[in-house]
Protein backbone atom coordinates (compact mmCIF):
# COMPACT_ATOMS: atom_id res chain seq x y z
CA MET A 1 5.12 -21.43 -14.79
CA GLU A 2 5.80 -18.54 -17.12
CA TYR A 3 8.12 -15.67 -16.28
CA GLN A 4 5.21 -13.20 -16.41
CA ASP A 5 3.33 -15.26 -13.85
CA LEU A 6 6.30 -15.16 -11.48
CA GLU A 7 6.79 -11.45 -12.06
CA TRP A 8 3.11 -10.77 -11.37
CA ALA A 9 3.21 -12.89 -8.20
CA ASN A 10 6.27 -11.01 -6.93
CA ASP A 11 4.73 -7.63 -7.70
CA TRP A 12 1.49 -8.64 -5.99
CA LYS A 13 3.37 -9.83 -2.89
CA THR A 14 5.08 -6.45 -2.75
CA ILE A 15 1.74 -4.63 -2.97
CA VAL A 16 0.39 -6.77 -0.12
CA LYS A 17 3.50 -5.96 1.98
CA ILE A 18 2.95 -2.24 1.33
CA PHE A 19 -0.64 -2.46 2.59
CA ASP A 20 0.54 -4.48 5.61
CA THR A 21 3.14 -1.81 6.37
CA ILE A 22 0.48 0.90 6.20
CA ASP A 23 -1.62 -1.11 8.67
CA LYS A 24 1.40 -1.37 11.00
CA LEU A 25 1.90 2.39 10.80
CA LYS A 26 -1.74 2.94 11.71
CA GLY A 27 -1.23 0.79 14.80
CA LEU A 28 1.96 2.59 15.77
CA PHE A 29 0.40 6.01 15.30
CA GLY A 30 -2.54 4.89 17.43
CA LYS A 31 -0.18 4.27 20.35
CA LEU A 32 1.06 7.86 20.40
CA ASP A 33 -0.42 10.47 22.67
CA VAL A 34 -0.15 13.54 20.45
CA SER A 35 -2.08 16.72 19.85
CA TYR A 36 -5.22 16.81 17.74
CA LEU A 37 -3.32 18.52 14.92
CA ARG A 38 -0.68 15.76 14.85
CA THR A 39 -3.43 13.13 14.86
CA ILE A 40 -5.00 14.79 11.81
CA GLU A 41 -1.59 14.98 10.10
CA GLN A 42 -1.09 11.26 10.73
CA LYS A 43 -4.49 10.46 9.27
CA VAL A 44 -3.71 12.54 6.17
CA LEU A 45 -0.38 10.76 5.81
CA ILE A 46 -2.04 7.33 6.05
CA LEU A 47 -4.74 8.38 3.60
CA ASN A 48 -2.12 9.53 1.08
CA LEU A 49 -0.14 6.31 1.52
CA GLU A 50 -3.30 4.25 0.97
CA LYS A 51 -4.17 6.30 -2.09
CA TYR A 52 -0.69 5.76 -3.53
CA ALA A 53 -0.77 2.03 -2.74
CA CYS A 54 -4.14 1.73 -4.49
CA SER A 55 -2.73 3.47 -7.54
CA LEU A 56 0.19 1.01 -7.54
CA GLN A 57 -2.24 -1.87 -7.21
CA ASN A 58 -4.27 -0.59 -10.17
CA TYR A 59 -1.07 -0.12 -12.18
CA ILE A 60 -0.04 -3.74 -11.51
CA ILE A 61 -3.48 -5.04 -12.47
CA GLU A 62 -3.48 -2.99 -15.67
CA LYS A 63 0.11 -3.88 -16.55
CA TYR A 64 -0.42 -7.62 -16.41
CA SER A 65 -3.92 -7.65 -17.86
CA LYS A 66 -2.54 -6.03 -21.03
CA GLU A 67 0.23 -8.61 -21.35
CA TYR A 68 -2.14 -11.59 -21.49
C-alpha cells in the first residue's frame, strides 16, 4: 500500500471521528433542559461545526484527488 493511501485513510478516519463527535454533542445537548435561546445557540453551534466538517471533508477529497 502506498504512503498516500495510508495518509488518505488516516485523514478520512479523522473526518469520520469529527462527524461522530458532532453527533455525540447533539445527543448531549438534547439531554439539557435549557431556555429556548440556549437551544437555538446550540443548534447554531452544531450547524457551524457540521459546515466546517463538510469543508474539511471536501478539502480532503480535493487534496487526494489531485495527487492521483
